[in-house]
Amino acid sequence: QVPLVESGGGLVQAGGSLRLSCSASRRIPIASTMGWYRQAPGHERELVARLVGGSTSSYADFVKGRFTIARNGANTILQMNNLKPEDTAVYYCNTWPPIQTQWGQGTQVTVSS
């Protein structure tokens, strides 16, 4: 497996939106479970959302109702709405459970108050 590539992060004000995208150099089967994770400074990396079979999604309580995970062709998308300062972190994608060699550089999301 090769590292996945995340993009779409940036600086946004509280209440704003961002759309993250995850791409892979190899085709990841639609039946695979994909996940978005995040790691804030001084914290462990945590699972934010996952998508099973391209259609069944689940979310951490702290993002429910605000984030949406979806597949768009070969890419895995994380639509983030109503962002809060506590959402500030580096966001990563990976399969679930994660494969160590697939961790990419992540994309920084910074939410200002």
Protein backbone atom coordinates (compact mmCIF):
# COMPACT_ATOMS: atom_id res chain seq x y z
CA GLN A 1 0.00 0.00 0.00
CA VAL A 2 1.13 3.54 -0.70
CA PRO A 3 0.26 6.69 1.22
CA LEU A 4 -3.07 8.30 0.52
CA VAL A 5 -3.17 11.98 -0.40
CA GLU A 6 -5.38 14.44 1.42
CA SER A 7 -6.27 17.92 0.18
CA GLY A 8 -8.73 20.72 0.75
CA GLY A 9 -7.73 22.01 4.15
CA GLY A 10 -7.26 25.65 5.00
CA LEU A 11 -8.11 28.50 7.32
CA VAL A 12 -11.77 29.24 7.88
CA GLN A 13 -13.83 31.21 10.37
CA ALA A 14 -16.09 29.46 12.85
CA GLY A 15 -19.34 28.55 11.14
CA GLY A 16 -17.66 28.12 7.79
CA SER A 17 -17.24 25.05 5.59
CA LEU A 18 -14.47 23.06 3.98
CA ARG A 19 -14.47 20.05 1.68
CA LEU A 20 -11.62 17.59 2.08
CA SER A 21 -10.69 15.06 -0.56
CA CYS A 22 -8.68 11.86 -0.28
CA SER A 23 -7.15 10.20 -3.31
CA ALA A 24 -5.22 7.01 -3.82
CA SER A 25 -2.79 5.97 -6.51
CA ARG A 26 -4.35 2.51 -6.53
CA ARG A 27 -8.00 1.68 -6.74
CA ILE A 28 -9.53 1.04 -3.34
CA PRO A 29 -12.46 -1.33 -3.67
CA ILE A 30 -15.84 0.24 -3.00
CA ALA A 31 -16.46 -2.50 -0.45
CA SER A 32 -13.56 -1.21 1.66
CA THR A 33 -14.29 0.82 4.74
CA MET A 34 -12.77 4.28 4.44
CA GLY A 35 -12.22 6.62 7.31
CA TRP A 36 -11.32 10.21 8.02
CA TYR A 37 -9.22 10.83 11.11
CA ARG A 38 -7.81 13.90 12.75
CA GLN A 39 -5.03 14.78 15.14
CA ALA A 40 -4.89 18.01 17.08
CA PRO A 41 -1.67 19.20 18.76
CA GLY A 42 -1.06 17.27 21.95
CA HIS A 43 -3.81 14.77 21.21
CA GLU A 44 -4.01 11.26 19.86
CA ARG A 45 -5.24 10.70 16.33
CA GLU A 46 -8.97 9.99 16.41
CA LEU A 47 -11.57 8.64 14.02
CA VAL A 48 -13.95 11.29 12.73
CA ALA A 49 -16.10 9.39 10.25
CA ARG A 50 -16.14 6.16 8.33
CA LEU A 51 -17.92 4.87 5.28
CA VAL A 52 -18.69 1.20 4.70
CA GLY A 53 -19.26 -0.10 1.21
CA GLY A 54 -19.53 3.39 -0.19
CA SER A 55 -22.91 4.00 1.39
CA THR A 56 -23.18 3.33 5.14
CA SER A 57 -21.67 6.10 7.22
CA SER A 58 -21.01 6.62 10.89
CA TYR A 59 -19.66 9.62 12.76
CA ALA A 60 -18.00 10.54 16.00
CA ASP A 61 -20.44 12.32 18.30
CA PHE A 62 -18.47 15.55 18.12
CA VAL A 63 -19.11 15.92 14.35
CA LYS A 64 -22.55 14.39 13.95
CA GLY A 65 -24.88 16.61 11.99
CA ARG A 66 -22.01 18.77 10.74
CA PHE A 67 -19.72 16.47 8.72
CA THR A 68 -20.57 14.15 5.85
CA ILE A 69 -18.37 11.41 4.42
CA ALA A 70 -18.93 10.14 0.88
CA ARG A 71 -17.20 8.42 -2.01
CA ASN A 72 -16.87 10.34 -5.27
CA GLY A 73 -15.43 7.93 -7.77
CA ALA A 74 -12.01 6.97 -6.51
CA ASN A 75 -11.94 9.76 -3.94
CA THR A 76 -13.28 9.87 -0.42
CA ILE A 77 -14.76 13.22 0.53
CA LEU A 78 -15.34 14.84 3.91
CA GLN A 79 -17.74 17.76 3.75
CA MET A 80 -17.39 19.82 6.91
CA ASN A 81 -20.02 22.42 7.77
CA ASN A 82 -20.52 24.67 10.76
CA LEU A 83 -16.87 24.32 11.70
CA LYS A 84 -15.80 25.08 15.25
CA PRO A 85 -12.40 26.14 16.62
CA GLU A 86 -12.11 22.73 18.30
CA ASP A 87 -12.17 21.13 14.83
CA THR A 88 -8.69 22.54 14.25
CA ALA A 89 -6.40 19.60 13.47
CA VAL A 90 -4.54 17.78 10.75
CA TYR A 91 -7.01 15.57 8.91
CA TYR A 92 -6.03 12.22 7.42
CA CYS A 93 -7.78 9.52 5.49
CA ASN A 94 -7.13 5.81 5.60
CA THR A 95 -8.99 2.58 5.46
CA TRP A 96 -10.62 1.36 8.65
CA PRO A 97 -8.97 -0.18 10.47
CA PRO A 98 -6.04 1.91 9.27
CA ILE A 99 -3.06 0.49 7.40
CA GLN A 100 0.16 2.03 8.69
CA THR A 101 1.79 2.41 5.28
CA GLN A 102 -1.23 4.32 3.95
CA TRP A 103 -0.95 7.30 6.28
CA GLY A 104 -0.29 10.40 4.20
CA GLN A 105 0.83 13.90 5.16
CA GLY A 106 -2.67 14.99 6.04
CA THR A 107 -4.26 18.35 5.39
CA GLN A 108 -4.33 21.14 7.97
CA VAL A 109 -7.69 22.57 8.99
CA THR A 110 -7.62 25.70 11.11
CA VAL A 111 -10.82 27.25 12.40
CA SER A 112 -10.63 30.74 13.86
CA SER A 113 -13.09 32.03 16.42
